[in-house]
Amino acid sequence: MGRSRAVQNLAEDDPHHRPKRKKTTSNVENIEPPKTEGEPVIEGKKALYHCNYCHKDISGKIRIKCTVCPDFDLCVECFSVGVEITPHKCNHPYRVM
């Protein structure tokens, strides 16, 4: 037996019936996460911080920042083995960021 079309005809005759709409890019909102003030903006896959020794991306991870050398960061792994890159020395004071 075939399907009954009586239900479909009743839906078309009902003045309160609303047909379903297909999703298109024009009726779907573009939702972006709210930006907080002072938070760096990451565009693409550009690293904000990288280890000066192994060059690994350490953005968003715990990093060690030398307080003597300008713009010098190490990943935890390189810091733990005591790497030294001229002019940085492993006995320089540091901050855990």
PDB file of N, CA and C in Angstrom:
ATOM      1  N   MET A   1       0.827  -1.188   0.000  1.00  0.00           N
ATOM      2  CA  MET A   1       0.000   0.000   0.000  1.00  0.00           C
ATOM      3  C   MET A   1       0.865   1.242   0.000  1.00  0.00           C
ATOM      4  N   GLY A   2       0.343   2.274  -0.590  1.00  0.00           N
ATOM      5  CA  GLY A   2       1.084   3.531  -0.666  1.00  0.00           C
ATOM      6  C   GLY A   2       0.786   4.428   0.518  1.00  0.00           C
ATOM      7  N   ARG A   3       1.488   5.510   0.568  1.00  0.00           N
ATOM      8  CA  ARG A   3       1.296   6.470   1.651  1.00  0.00           C
ATOM      9  C   ARG A   3       0.077   7.336   1.395  1.00  0.00           C
ATOM     10  N   SER A   4      -0.559   7.735   2.465  1.00  0.00           N
ATOM     11  CA  SER A   4      -1.726   8.602   2.350  1.00  0.00           C
ATOM     12  C   SER A   4      -1.268  10.045   2.209  1.00  0.00           C
ATOM     13  N   ARG A   5      -1.883  10.766   1.310  1.00  0.00           N
ATOM     14  CA  ARG A   5      -1.553  12.170   1.119  1.00  0.00           C
ATOM     15  C   ARG A   5      -2.504  13.089   1.879  1.00  0.00           C
ATOM     16  N   ALA A   6      -3.396  12.504   2.636  1.00  0.00           N
ATOM     17  CA  ALA A   6      -4.398  13.305   3.350  1.00  0.00           C
ATOM     18  C   ALA A   6      -3.740  14.219   4.372  1.00  0.00           C
ATOM     19  N   VAL A   7      -2.716  13.746   5.065  1.00  0.00           N
ATOM     20  CA  VAL A   7      -2.050  14.565   6.081  1.00  0.00           C
ATOM     21  C   VAL A   7      -1.341  15.742   5.429  1.00  0.00           C
ATOM     22  N   GLN A   8      -0.697  15.494   4.277  1.00  0.00           N
ATOM     23  CA  GLN A   8       0.013  16.554   3.598  1.00  0.00           C
ATOM     24  C   GLN A   8      -0.953  17.618   3.098  1.00  0.00           C
ATOM     25  N   ASN A   9      -2.100  17.220   2.580  1.00  0.00           N
ATOM     26  CA  ASN A   9      -3.080  18.181   2.100  1.00  0.00           C
ATOM     27  C   ASN A   9      -3.639  19.016   3.239  1.00  0.00           C
ATOM     28  N   LEU A  10      -3.809  18.419   4.437  1.00  0.00           N
ATOM     29  CA  LEU A  10      -4.309  19.172   5.571  1.00  0.00           C
ATOM     30  C   LEU A  10      -3.297  20.235   5.999  1.00  0.00           C
ATOM     31  N   ALA A  11      -2.013  19.908   5.921  1.00  0.00           N
ATOM     32  CA  ALA A  11      -0.987  20.869   6.303  1.00  0.00           C
ATOM     33  C   ALA A  11      -0.967  22.042   5.339  1.00  0.00           C
ATOM     34  N   GLU A  12      -1.193  21.789   4.061  1.00  0.00           N
ATOM     35  CA  GLU A  12      -1.206  22.878   3.084  1.00  0.00           C
ATOM     36  C   GLU A  12      -2.422  23.773   3.253  1.00  0.00           C
ATOM     37  N   ASP A  13      -3.545  23.209   3.686  1.00  0.00           N
ATOM     38  CA  ASP A  13      -4.771  23.979   3.856  1.00  0.00           C
ATOM     39  C   ASP A  13      -4.788  24.762   5.165  1.00  0.00           C
ATOM     40  N   ASP A  14      -3.957  24.380   6.144  1.00  0.00           N
ATOM     41  CA  ASP A  14      -3.936  25.026   7.461  1.00  0.00           C
ATOM     42  C   ASP A  14      -3.266  26.396   7.339  1.00  0.00           C
ATOM     43  N   PRO A  15      -3.973  27.489   7.699  1.00  0.00           N
ATOM     44  CA  PRO A  15      -3.374  28.829   7.586  1.00  0.00           C
ATOM     45  C   PRO A  15      -2.256  29.066   8.605  1.00  0.00           C
ATOM     46  N   HIS A  16      -2.194  28.269   9.695  1.00  0.00           N
ATOM     47  CA  HIS A  16      -1.160  28.443  10.715  1.00  0.00           C
ATOM     48  C   HIS A  16       0.077  27.586  10.450  1.00  0.00           C
ATOM     49  N   HIS A  17       0.029  26.752   9.413  1.00  0.00           N
ATOM     50  CA  HIS A  17       1.155  25.867   9.096  1.00  0.00           C
ATOM     51  C   HIS A  17       2.268  26.672   8.425  1.00  0.00           C
ATOM     52  N   ARG A  18       3.505  26.485   8.940  1.00  0.00           N
ATOM     53  CA  ARG A  18       4.663  27.158   8.346  1.00  0.00           C
ATOM     54  C   ARG A  18       5.568  26.102   7.729  1.00  0.00           C
ATOM     55  N   PRO A  19       5.921  26.238   6.464  1.00  0.00           N
ATOM     56  CA  PRO A  19       6.797  25.254   5.839  1.00  0.00           C
ATOM     57  C   PRO A  19       8.223  25.364   6.395  1.00  0.00           C
ATOM     58  N   LYS A  20       8.933  24.248   6.370  1.00  0.00           N
ATOM     59  CA  LYS A  20      10.313  24.248   6.861  1.00  0.00           C
ATOM     60  C   LYS A  20      11.209  24.921   5.827  1.00  0.00           C
ATOM     61  N   ARG A  21      12.189  25.681   6.347  1.00  0.00           N
ATOM     62  CA  ARG A  21      13.129  26.357   5.453  1.00  0.00           C
ATOM     63  C   ARG A  21      14.447  25.603   5.438  1.00  0.00           C
ATOM     64  N   LYS A  22      15.091  25.613   4.294  1.00  0.00           N
ATOM     65  CA  LYS A  22      16.407  25.005   4.179  1.00  0.00           C
ATOM     66  C   LYS A  22      17.449  25.975   4.718  1.00  0.00           C
ATOM     67  N   LYS A  23      18.500  25.421   5.320  1.00  0.00           N
ATOM     68  CA  LYS A  23      19.577  26.265   5.836  1.00  0.00           C
ATOM     69  C   LYS A  23      20.424  26.767   4.682  1.00  0.00           C
ATOM     70  N   THR A  24      20.600  28.056   4.642  1.00  0.00           N
ATOM     71  CA  THR A  24      21.490  28.668   3.658  1.00  0.00           C
ATOM     72  C   THR A  24      22.407  29.621   4.393  1.00  0.00           C
ATOM     73  N   THR A  25      23.435  30.097   3.707  1.00  0.00           N
ATOM     74  CA  THR A  25      24.371  31.010   4.357  1.00  0.00           C
ATOM     75  C   THR A  25      23.727  32.350   4.668  1.00  0.00           C
ATOM     76  N   SER A  26      22.621  32.678   3.975  1.00  0.00           N
ATOM     77  CA  SER A  26      21.985  33.966   4.225  1.00  0.00           C
ATOM     78  C   SER A  26      21.156  33.974   5.506  1.00  0.00           C
ATOM     79  N   ASN A  27      20.637  32.801   5.948  1.00  0.00           N
ATOM     80  CA  ASN A  27      19.818  32.805   7.150  1.00  0.00           C
ATOM     81  C   ASN A  27      20.502  32.147   8.347  1.00  0.00           C
ATOM     82  N   VAL A  28      21.802  31.867   8.236  1.00  0.00           N
ATOM     83  CA  VAL A  28      22.560  31.334   9.354  1.00  0.00           C
ATOM     84  C   VAL A  28      23.460  32.450   9.873  1.00  0.00           C
ATOM     85  N   GLU A  29      23.369  32.718  11.159  1.00  0.00           N
ATOM     86  CA  GLU A  29      24.153  33.803  11.737  1.00  0.00           C
ATOM     87  C   GLU A  29      25.607  33.403  11.875  1.00  0.00           C
ATOM     88  N   ASN A  30      26.504  34.383  11.683  1.00  0.00           N
ATOM     89  CA  ASN A  30      27.928  34.167  11.889  1.00  0.00           C
ATOM     90  C   ASN A  30      28.231  34.545  13.328  1.00  0.00           C
ATOM     91  N   ILE A  31      28.439  33.537  14.166  1.00  0.00           N
ATOM     92  CA  ILE A  31      28.635  33.778  15.585  1.00  0.00           C
ATOM     93  C   ILE A  31      30.130  33.747  15.884  1.00  0.00           C
ATOM     94  N   GLU A  32      30.644  34.846  16.458  1.00  0.00           N
ATOM     95  CA  GLU A  32      32.051  34.923  16.835  1.00  0.00           C
ATOM     96  C   GLU A  32      32.138  34.982  18.348  1.00  0.00           C
ATOM     97  N   PRO A  33      33.169  34.357  18.941  1.00  0.00           N
ATOM     98  CA  PRO A  33      33.318  34.442  20.387  1.00  0.00           C
ATOM     99  C   PRO A  33      33.632  35.871  20.799  1.00  0.00           C
ATOM    100  N   PRO A  34      33.132  36.313  21.943  1.00  0.00           N
ATOM    101  CA  PRO A  34      33.404  37.677  22.369  1.00  0.00           C
ATOM    102  C   PRO A  34      34.884  37.864  22.663  1.00  0.00           C
ATOM    103  N   LYS A  35      35.412  39.027  22.254  1.00  0.00           N
ATOM    104  CA  LYS A  35      36.819  39.322  22.483  1.00  0.00           C
ATOM    105  C   LYS A  35      36.953  40.050  23.810  1.00  0.00           C
ATOM    106  N   THR A  36      37.942  39.651  24.574  1.00  0.00           N
ATOM    107  CA  THR A  36      38.177  40.321  25.840  1.00  0.00           C
ATOM    108  C   THR A  36      39.289  41.328  25.671  1.00  0.00           C
ATOM    109  N   GLU A  37      39.217  42.392  26.421  1.00  0.00           N
ATOM    110  CA  GLU A  37      40.191  43.458  26.315  1.00  0.00           C
ATOM    111  C   GLU A  37      41.547  42.992  26.835  1.00  0.00           C
ATOM    112  N   GLY A  38      42.599  43.301  26.090  1.00  0.00           N
ATOM    113  CA  GLY A  38      43.944  42.931  26.505  1.00  0.00           C
ATOM    114  C   GLY A  38      44.355  41.539  26.062  1.00  0.00           C
ATOM    115  N   GLU A  39      43.465  40.799  25.409  1.00  0.00           N
ATOM    116  CA  GLU A  39      43.779  39.455  24.945  1.00  0.00           C
ATOM    117  C   GLU A  39      44.356  39.543  23.536  1.00  0.00           C
ATOM    118  N   PRO A  40      45.502  38.905  23.272  1.00  0.00           N
ATOM    119  CA  PRO A  40      46.086  38.983  21.937  1.00  0.00           C
ATOM    120  C   PRO A  40      45.213  38.266  20.915  1.00  0.00           C
ATOM    121  N   VAL A  41      45.173  38.800  19.706  1.00  0.00           N
ATOM    122  CA  VAL A  41      44.373  38.223  18.643  1.00  0.00           C
ATOM    123  C   VAL A  41      45.277  37.346  17.793  1.00  0.00           C
ATOM    124  N   ILE A  42      44.873  36.086  17.602  1.00  0.00           N
ATOM    125  CA  ILE A  42      45.642  35.160  16.795  1.00  0.00           C
ATOM    126  C   ILE A  42      44.979  35.066  15.429  1.00  0.00           C
ATOM    127  N   GLU A  43      45.689  35.453  14.377  1.00  0.00           N
ATOM    128  CA  GLU A  43      45.168  35.353  13.026  1.00  0.00           C
ATOM    129  C   GLU A  43      45.909  34.230  12.316  1.00  0.00           C
ATOM    130  N   GLY A  44      45.178  33.303  11.777  1.00  0.00           N
ATOM    131  CA  GLY A  44      45.798  32.175  11.115  1.00  0.00           C
ATOM    132  C   GLY A  44      46.480  31.277  12.127  1.00  0.00           C
ATOM    133  N   LYS A  45      47.652  30.778  11.762  1.00  0.00           N
ATOM    134  CA  LYS A  45      48.380  29.913  12.673  1.00  0.00           C
ATOM    135  C   LYS A  45      49.701  30.546  13.077  1.00  0.00           C
ATOM    136  N   LYS A  46      49.760  31.844  13.130  1.00  0.00           N
ATOM    137  CA  LYS A  46      50.978  32.541  13.513  1.00  0.00           C
ATOM    138  C   LYS A  46      51.197  32.406  15.011  1.00  0.00           C
ATOM    139  N   ALA A  47      52.383  31.956  15.414  1.00  0.00           N
ATOM    140  CA  ALA A  47      52.695  31.769  16.825  1.00  0.00           C
ATOM    141  C   ALA A  47      53.009  33.109  17.470  1.00  0.00           C
ATOM    142  N   LEU A  48      52.416  33.341  18.642  1.00  0.00           N
ATOM    143  CA  LEU A  48      52.733  34.552  19.386  1.00  0.00           C
ATOM    144  C   LEU A  48      54.044  34.391  20.143  1.00  0.00           C
ATOM    145  N   TYR A  49      54.301  33.179  20.622  1.00  0.00           N
ATOM    146  CA  TYR A  49      55.531  32.885  21.361  1.00  0.00           C
ATOM    147  C   TYR A  49      56.119  31.588  20.820  1.00  0.00           C
ATOM    148  N   HIS A  50      57.427  31.563  20.704  1.00  0.00           N
ATOM    149  CA  HIS A  50      58.106  30.347  20.294  1.00  0.00           C
ATOM    150  C   HIS A  50      59.355  30.172  21.146  1.00  0.00           C
ATOM    151  N   CYS A  51      59.780  28.927  21.312  1.00  0.00           N
ATOM    152  CA  CYS A  51      60.988  28.625  22.073  1.00  0.00           C
ATOM    153  C   CYS A  51      62.189  29.085  21.249  1.00  0.00           C
ATOM    154  N   ASN A  52      63.066  29.871  21.857  1.00  0.00           N
ATOM    155  CA  ASN A  52      64.229  30.375  21.137  1.00  0.00           C
ATOM    156  C   ASN A  52      65.268  29.283  20.857  1.00  0.00           C
ATOM    157  N   TYR A  53      65.127  28.126  21.459  1.00  0.00           N
ATOM    158  CA  TYR A  53      66.084  27.050  21.226  1.00  0.00           C
ATOM    159  C   TYR A  53      65.555  26.030  20.213  1.00  0.00           C
ATOM    160  N   CYS A  54      64.410  25.421  20.499  1.00  0.00           N
ATOM    161  CA  CYS A  54      63.881  24.379  19.599  1.00  0.00           C
ATOM    162  C   CYS A  54      62.851  24.925  18.611  1.00  0.00           C
ATOM    163  N   HIS A  55      62.466  26.188  18.734  1.00  0.00           N
ATOM    164  CA  HIS A  55      61.525  26.888  17.836  1.00  0.00           C
ATOM    165  C   HIS A  55      60.120  26.302  17.847  1.00  0.00           C
ATOM    166  N   LYS A  56      59.752  25.600  18.913  1.00  0.00           N
ATOM    167  CA  LYS A  56      58.406  25.043  19.056  1.00  0.00           C
ATOM    168  C   LYS A  56      57.436  26.166  19.426  1.00  0.00           C
ATOM    169  N   ASP A  57      56.212  26.091  18.917  1.00  0.00           N
ATOM    170  CA  ASP A  57      55.167  27.061  19.261  1.00  0.00           C
ATOM    171  C   ASP A  57      54.763  26.836  20.716  1.00  0.00           C
ATOM    172  N   ILE A  58      54.944  27.857  21.561  1.00  0.00           N
ATOM    173  CA  ILE A  58      54.578  27.744  22.975  1.00  0.00           C
ATOM    174  C   ILE A  58      53.489  28.749  23.346  1.00  0.00           C
ATOM    175  N   SER A  59      52.760  29.221  22.332  1.00  0.00           N
ATOM    176  CA  SER A  59      51.636  30.126  22.577  1.00  0.00           C
ATOM    177  C   SER A  59      50.552  29.376  23.328  1.00  0.00           C
ATOM    178  N   GLY A  60      50.063  29.940  24.406  1.00  0.00           N
ATOM    179  CA  GLY A  60      49.010  29.310  25.188  1.00  0.00           C
ATOM    180  C   GLY A  60      49.500  28.194  26.090  1.00  0.00           C
ATOM    181  N   LYS A  61      50.800  28.021  26.212  1.00  0.00           N
ATOM    182  CA  LYS A  61      51.369  26.994  27.080  1.00  0.00           C
ATOM    183  C   LYS A  61      52.267  27.658  28.117  1.00  0.00           C
ATOM    184  N   ILE A  62      52.678  26.914  29.099  1.00  0.00           N
ATOM    185  CA  ILE A  62      53.609  27.449  30.100  1.00  0.00           C
ATOM    186  C   ILE A  62      54.954  27.660  29.424  1.00  0.00           C
ATOM    187  N   ARG A  63      55.531  28.831  29.625  1.00  0.00           N
ATOM    188  CA  ARG A  63      56.824  29.154  29.039  1.00  0.00           C
ATOM    189  C   ARG A  63      57.692  29.834  30.074  1.00  0.00           C
ATOM    190  N   ILE A  64      58.993  29.841  29.841  1.00  0.00           N
ATOM    191  CA  ILE A  64      59.949  30.465  30.737  1.00  0.00           C
ATOM    192  C   ILE A  64      60.501  31.693  30.029  1.00  0.00           C
ATOM    193  N   LYS A  65      60.348  32.854  30.661  1.00  0.00           N
ATOM    194  CA  LYS A  65      60.810  34.116  30.072  1.00  0.00           C
ATOM    195  C   LYS A  65      62.006  34.619  30.858  1.00  0.00           C
ATOM    196  N   CYS A  66      63.118  34.858  30.168  1.00  0.00           N
ATOM    197  CA  CYS A  66      64.326  35.384  30.796  1.00  0.00           C
ATOM    198  C   CYS A  66      64.086  36.858  31.128  1.00  0.00           C
ATOM    199  N   THR A  67      64.444  37.270  32.344  1.00  0.00           N
ATOM    200  CA  THR A  67      64.263  38.674  32.739  1.00  0.00           C
ATOM    201  C   THR A  67      65.462  39.533  32.358  1.00  0.00           C
ATOM    202  N   VAL A  68      66.551  38.911  31.907  1.00  0.00           N
ATOM    203  CA  VAL A  68      67.751  39.661  31.507  1.00  0.00           C
ATOM    204  C   VAL A  68      67.763  39.875  29.992  1.00  0.00           C
ATOM    205  N   CYS A  69      67.555  38.808  29.233  1.00  0.00           N
ATOM    206  CA  CYS A  69      67.602  38.877  27.768  1.00  0.00           C
ATOM    207  C   CYS A  69      66.265  39.375  27.218  1.00  0.00           C
ATOM    208  N   PRO A  70      66.291  40.379  26.328  1.00  0.00           N
ATOM    209  CA  PRO A  70      65.032  40.877  25.760  1.00  0.00           C
ATOM    210  C   PRO A  70      64.431  39.860  24.783  1.00  0.00           C
ATOM    211  N   ASP A  71      63.123  39.670  24.865  1.00  0.00           N
ATOM    212  CA  ASP A  71      62.375  38.785  23.976  1.00  0.00           C
ATOM    213  C   ASP A  71      62.996  37.393  23.907  1.00  0.00           C
ATOM    214  N   PHE A  72      63.191  36.777  25.054  1.00  0.00           N
ATOM    215  CA  PHE A  72      63.766  35.432  25.106  1.00  0.00           C
ATOM    216  C   PHE A  72      62.850  34.527  25.899  1.00  0.00           C
ATOM    217  N   ASP A  73      62.325  33.496  25.226  1.00  0.00           N
ATOM    218  CA  ASP A  73      61.412  32.537  25.840  1.00  0.00           C
ATOM    219  C   ASP A  73      61.903  31.123  25.574  1.00  0.00           C
ATOM    220  N   LEU A  74      61.693  30.238  26.543  1.00  0.00           N
ATOM    221  CA  LEU A  74      62.035  28.826  26.390  1.00  0.00           C
ATOM    222  C   LEU A  74      60.819  27.977  26.738  1.00  0.00           C
ATOM    223  N   CYS A  75      60.709  26.828  26.072  1.00  0.00           N
ATOM    224  CA  CYS A  75      59.685  25.867  26.472  1.00  0.00           C
ATOM    225  C   CYS A  75      60.173  25.184  27.744  1.00  0.00           C
ATOM    226  N   VAL A  76      59.288  24.530  28.449  1.00  0.00           N
ATOM    227  CA  VAL A  76      59.625  23.885  29.717  1.00  0.00           C
ATOM    228  C   VAL A  76      60.682  22.797  29.501  1.00  0.00           C
ATOM    229  N   GLU A  77      60.579  22.066  28.392  1.00  0.00           N
ATOM    230  CA  GLU A  77      61.527  20.988  28.120  1.00  0.00           C
ATOM    231  C   GLU A  77      62.952  21.519  27.963  1.00  0.00           C
ATOM    232  N   CYS A  78      63.133  22.573  27.183  1.00  0.00           N
ATOM    233  CA  CYS A  78      64.474  23.136  26.969  1.00  0.00           C
ATOM    234  C   CYS A  78      65.005  23.788  28.245  1.00  0.00           C
ATOM    235  N   PHE A  79      64.138  24.454  29.002  1.00  0.00           N
ATOM    236  CA  PHE A  79      64.552  25.070  30.257  1.00  0.00           C
ATOM    237  C   PHE A  79      65.021  24.009  31.252  1.00  0.00           C
ATOM    238  N   SER A  80      64.326  22.866  31.275  1.00  0.00           N
ATOM    239  CA  SER A  80      64.645  21.839  32.263  1.00  0.00           C
ATOM    240  C   SER A  80      66.006  21.185  32.027  1.00  0.00           C
ATOM    241  N   VAL A  81      66.534  21.236  30.802  1.00  0.00           N
ATOM    242  CA  VAL A  81      67.868  20.680  30.542  1.00  0.00           C
ATOM    243  C   VAL A  81      68.950  21.756  30.576  1.00  0.00           C
ATOM    244  N   GLY A  82      68.554  23.026  30.811  1.00  0.00           N
ATOM    245  CA  GLY A  82      69.525  24.106  30.994  1.00  0.00           C
ATOM    246  C   GLY A  82      70.187  24.601  29.727  1.00  0.00           C
ATOM    247  N   VAL A  83      69.439  24.760  28.654  1.00  0.00           N
ATOM    248  CA  VAL A  83      70.032  25.223  27.397  1.00  0.00           C
ATOM    249  C   VAL A  83      70.567  26.641  27.539  1.00  0.00           C
ATOM    250  N   GLU A  84      71.632  26.918  26.791  1.00  0.00           N
ATOM    251  CA  GLU A  84      72.232  28.253  26.744  1.00  0.00           C
ATOM    252  C   GLU A  84      72.429  28.640  25.289  1.00  0.00           C
ATOM    253  N   ILE A  85      71.928  29.807  24.925  1.00  0.00           N
ATOM    254  CA  ILE A  85      72.105  30.364  23.586  1.00  0.00           C
ATOM    255  C   ILE A  85      72.697  31.753  23.785  1.00  0.00           C
ATOM    256  N   THR A  86      73.785  32.058  23.135  1.00  0.00           N
ATOM    257  CA  THR A  86      74.435  33.361  23.294  1.00  0.00           C
ATOM    258  C   THR A  86      73.432  34.454  22.981  1.00  0.00           C
ATOM    259  N   PRO A  87      73.213  35.411  23.808  1.00  0.00           N
ATOM    260  CA  PRO A  87      73.879  35.790  25.048  1.00  0.00           C
ATOM    261  C   PRO A  87      73.225  35.218  26.307  1.00  0.00           C
ATOM    262  N   HIS A  88      72.190  34.386  26.149  1.00  0.00           N
ATOM    263  CA  HIS A  88      71.472  33.859  27.317  1.00  0.00           C
ATOM    264  C   HIS A  88      72.314  32.821  28.060  1.00  0.00           C
ATOM    265  N   LYS A  89      72.285  32.899  29.383  1.00  0.00           N
ATOM    266  CA  LYS A  89      72.949  31.924  30.249  1.00  0.00           C
ATOM    267  C   LYS A  89      71.889  31.263  31.123  1.00  0.00           C
ATOM    268  N   CYS A  90      72.106  30.002  31.479  1.00  0.00           N
ATOM    269  CA  CYS A  90      71.105  29.265  32.244  1.00  0.00           C
ATOM    270  C   CYS A  90      70.968  29.764  33.692  1.00  0.00           C
ATOM    271  N   ASN A  91      71.911  30.594  34.156  1.00  0.00           N
ATOM    272  CA  ASN A  91      71.799  31.122  35.517  1.00  0.00           C
ATOM    273  C   ASN A  91      71.108  32.490  35.580  1.00  0.00           C
ATOM    274  N   HIS A  92      70.590  32.983  34.438  1.00  0.00           N
ATOM    275  CA  HIS A  92      69.839  34.244  34.428  1.00  0.00           C
ATOM    276  C   HIS A  92      68.541  34.076  35.207  1.00  0.00           C
ATOM    277  N   PRO A  93      68.076  35.128  35.864  1.00  0.00           N
ATOM    278  CA  PRO A  93      66.758  35.050  36.526  1.00  0.00           C
ATOM    279  C   PRO A  93      65.650  34.925  35.451  1.00  0.00           C
ATOM    280  N   TYR A  94      64.544  34.334  35.825  1.00  0.00           N
ATOM    281  CA  TYR A  94      63.478  34.053  34.854  1.00  0.00           C
ATOM    282  C   TYR A  94      62.114  34.211  35.504  1.00  0.00           C
ATOM    283  N   ARG A  95      61.090  34.223  34.647  1.00  0.00           N
ATOM    284  CA  ARG A  95      59.692  34.249  35.091  1.00  0.00           C
ATOM    285  C   ARG A  95      58.947  33.121  34.397  1.00  0.00           C
ATOM    286  N   VAL A  96      58.098  32.445  35.137  1.00  0.00           N
ATOM    287  CA  VAL A  96      57.248  31.408  34.554  1.00  0.00           C
ATOM    288  C   VAL A  96      55.963  32.110  34.104  1.00  0.00           C
ATOM    289  N   MET A  97      55.677  32.003  32.827  1.00  0.00           N
ATOM    290  CA  MET A  97      54.518  32.692  32.243  1.00  0.00           C
ATOM    291  C   MET A  97      53.455  31.685  31.839  1.00  0.00           C
TER     292      MET A  97
END
